C-alpha atoms as a PDB file:
ATOM      1  CA  MET A   1      14.321  10.037   9.691  1.00  0.00           C
ATOM      2  CA  ARG A   2      18.186   9.870  10.137  1.00  0.00           C
ATOM      3  CA  GLU A   3      17.750   8.376   6.607  1.00  0.00           C
ATOM      4  CA  PHE A   4      15.180  10.603   5.666  1.00  0.00           C
ATOM      5  CA  ASN A   5      16.945  13.701   6.690  1.00  0.00           C
ATOM      6  CA  ILE A   6      20.443  12.066   5.281  1.00  0.00           C
ATOM      7  CA  SER A   7      18.136  11.635   1.623  1.00  0.00           C
ATOM      8  CA  LEU A   8      17.282  15.468   1.797  1.00  0.00           C
ATOM      9  CA  LEU A   9      20.546  16.464   2.895  1.00  0.00           C
ATOM     10  CA  GLY A  10      22.107  14.114  -0.226  1.00  0.00           C
ATOM     11  CA  LYS A  11      20.004  15.965  -2.868  1.00  0.00           C
ATOM     12  CA  TRP A  12      20.934  19.552  -1.785  1.00  0.00           C
ATOM     13  CA  CYS A  13      24.764  18.591  -2.409  1.00  0.00           C
ATOM     14  CA  TRP A  14      23.649  16.896  -5.679  1.00  0.00           C
ATOM     15  CA  ARG A  15      21.454  21.238  -6.395  1.00  0.00           C
ATOM     16  CA  MET A  16      25.284  21.925  -5.664  1.00  0.00           C
ATOM     17  CA  PHE A  17      26.849  20.420  -8.895  1.00  0.00           C
ATOM     18  CA  VAL A  18      24.348  20.405 -11.208  1.00  0.00           C
ATOM     19  CA  ASP A  19      23.000  24.304 -10.766  1.00  0.00           C
ATOM     20  CA  ILE A  20      26.212  26.639 -10.247  1.00  0.00           C
ATOM     21  CA  ARG A  21      24.034  29.291 -11.761  1.00  0.00           C
ATOM     22  CA  GLY A  22      20.923  29.188  -9.228  1.00  0.00           C
ATOM     23  CA  LEU A  23      19.986  31.906  -6.770  1.00  0.00           C
ATOM     24  CA  TRP A  24      20.481  30.269  -4.175  1.00  0.00           C
ATOM     25  CA  PHE A  25      23.357  28.761  -4.538  1.00  0.00           C
ATOM     26  CA  ARG A  26      24.409  32.468  -5.285  1.00  0.00           C
ATOM     27  CA  VAL A  27      23.268  33.420  -1.710  1.00  0.00           C
ATOM     28  CA  LEU A  28      25.364  30.602   0.211  1.00  0.00           C
ATOM     29  CA  ALA A  29      28.472  31.771  -2.168  1.00  0.00           C
ATOM     30  CA  ALA A  30      27.874  34.305  -0.679  1.00  0.00           C
ATOM     31  CA  ARG A  31      27.960  33.671   2.751  1.00  0.00           C
ATOM     32  CA  TYR A  32      30.707  30.896   2.511  1.00  0.00           C
ATOM     33  CA  ALA A  33      32.757  31.680  -0.172  1.00  0.00           C
ATOM     34  CA  VAL A  34      33.974  29.640  -2.954  1.00  0.00           C
ATOM     35  CA  GLU A  35      36.975  27.907  -2.749  1.00  0.00           C
ATOM     36  CA  GLY A  36      37.981  25.675  -5.786  1.00  0.00           C
ATOM     37  CA  GLY A  37      35.316  25.610  -7.391  1.00  0.00           C
ATOM     38  CA  ARG A  38      33.094  24.340  -4.550  1.00  0.00           C
ATOM     39  CA  LEU A  39      31.128  26.449  -1.460  1.00  0.00           C
ATOM     40  CA  LYS A  40      32.942  26.364   1.968  1.00  0.00           C
ATOM     41  CA  GLU A  41      32.747  24.017   4.343  1.00  0.00           C
ATOM     42  CA  GLY A  42      31.766  27.567   7.066  1.00  0.00           C
ATOM     43  CA  GLY A  43      33.907  25.753  10.310  1.00  0.00           C
ATOM     44  CA  ARG A  44      32.173  26.357  13.043  1.00  0.00           C
ATOM     45  CA  THR A  45      30.208  29.629  11.907  1.00  0.00           C
ATOM     46  CA  GLY A  46      28.549  27.780   9.498  1.00  0.00           C
ATOM     47  CA  SER A  47      24.475  26.676  10.342  1.00  0.00           C
ATOM     48  CA  SER A  48      24.554  23.206  11.158  1.00  0.00           C
ATOM     49  CA  TRP A  49      22.280  22.291   8.530  1.00  0.00           C
ATOM     50  CA  TRP A  50      25.425  24.085   6.332  1.00  0.00           C
ATOM     51  CA  ARG A  51      28.005  21.637   8.417  1.00  0.00           C
ATOM     52  CA  GLU A  52      25.613  18.534   7.512  1.00  0.00           C
ATOM     53  CA  ILE A  53      25.413  18.775   3.538  1.00  0.00           C
ATOM     54  CA  SER A  54      29.441  19.026   3.612  1.00  0.00           C
ATOM     55  CA  LYS A  55      29.966  16.448   5.134  1.00  0.00           C
ATOM     56  CA  ILE A  56      27.471  14.653   2.577  1.00  0.00           C
ATOM     57  CA  CYS A  57      29.347  15.582  -0.303  1.00  0.00           C
ATOM     58  CA  ASP A  58      32.430  14.511   1.245  1.00  0.00           C
ATOM     59  CA  GLY A  59      30.995  11.429   2.035  1.00  0.00           C
ATOM     60  CA  VAL A  60      32.023  11.934   5.862  1.00  0.00           C
ATOM     61  CA  GLY A  61      28.406  11.546   6.916  1.00  0.00           C
ATOM     62  CA  GLY A  62      26.217   9.383   5.837  1.00  0.00           C
ATOM     63  CA  LEU A  63      24.870   5.282   8.149  1.00  0.00           C
ATOM     64  CA  GLY A  64      27.899   4.256   8.732  1.00  0.00           C
END
């Protein structure tokens, strides 16, 4: 189950790089802001879903 969850989070991470004009990206940009061309992590105010995606995109999360 963990591997499946990581793969789904990875898909969201991938979409952040390829679909920056999409509605979902604009919603996340409004919520978390954009810094240096990337969406900000959100810190403690970010949802657990968003923090996990940030970890995956930064290469911190995973199967280790």
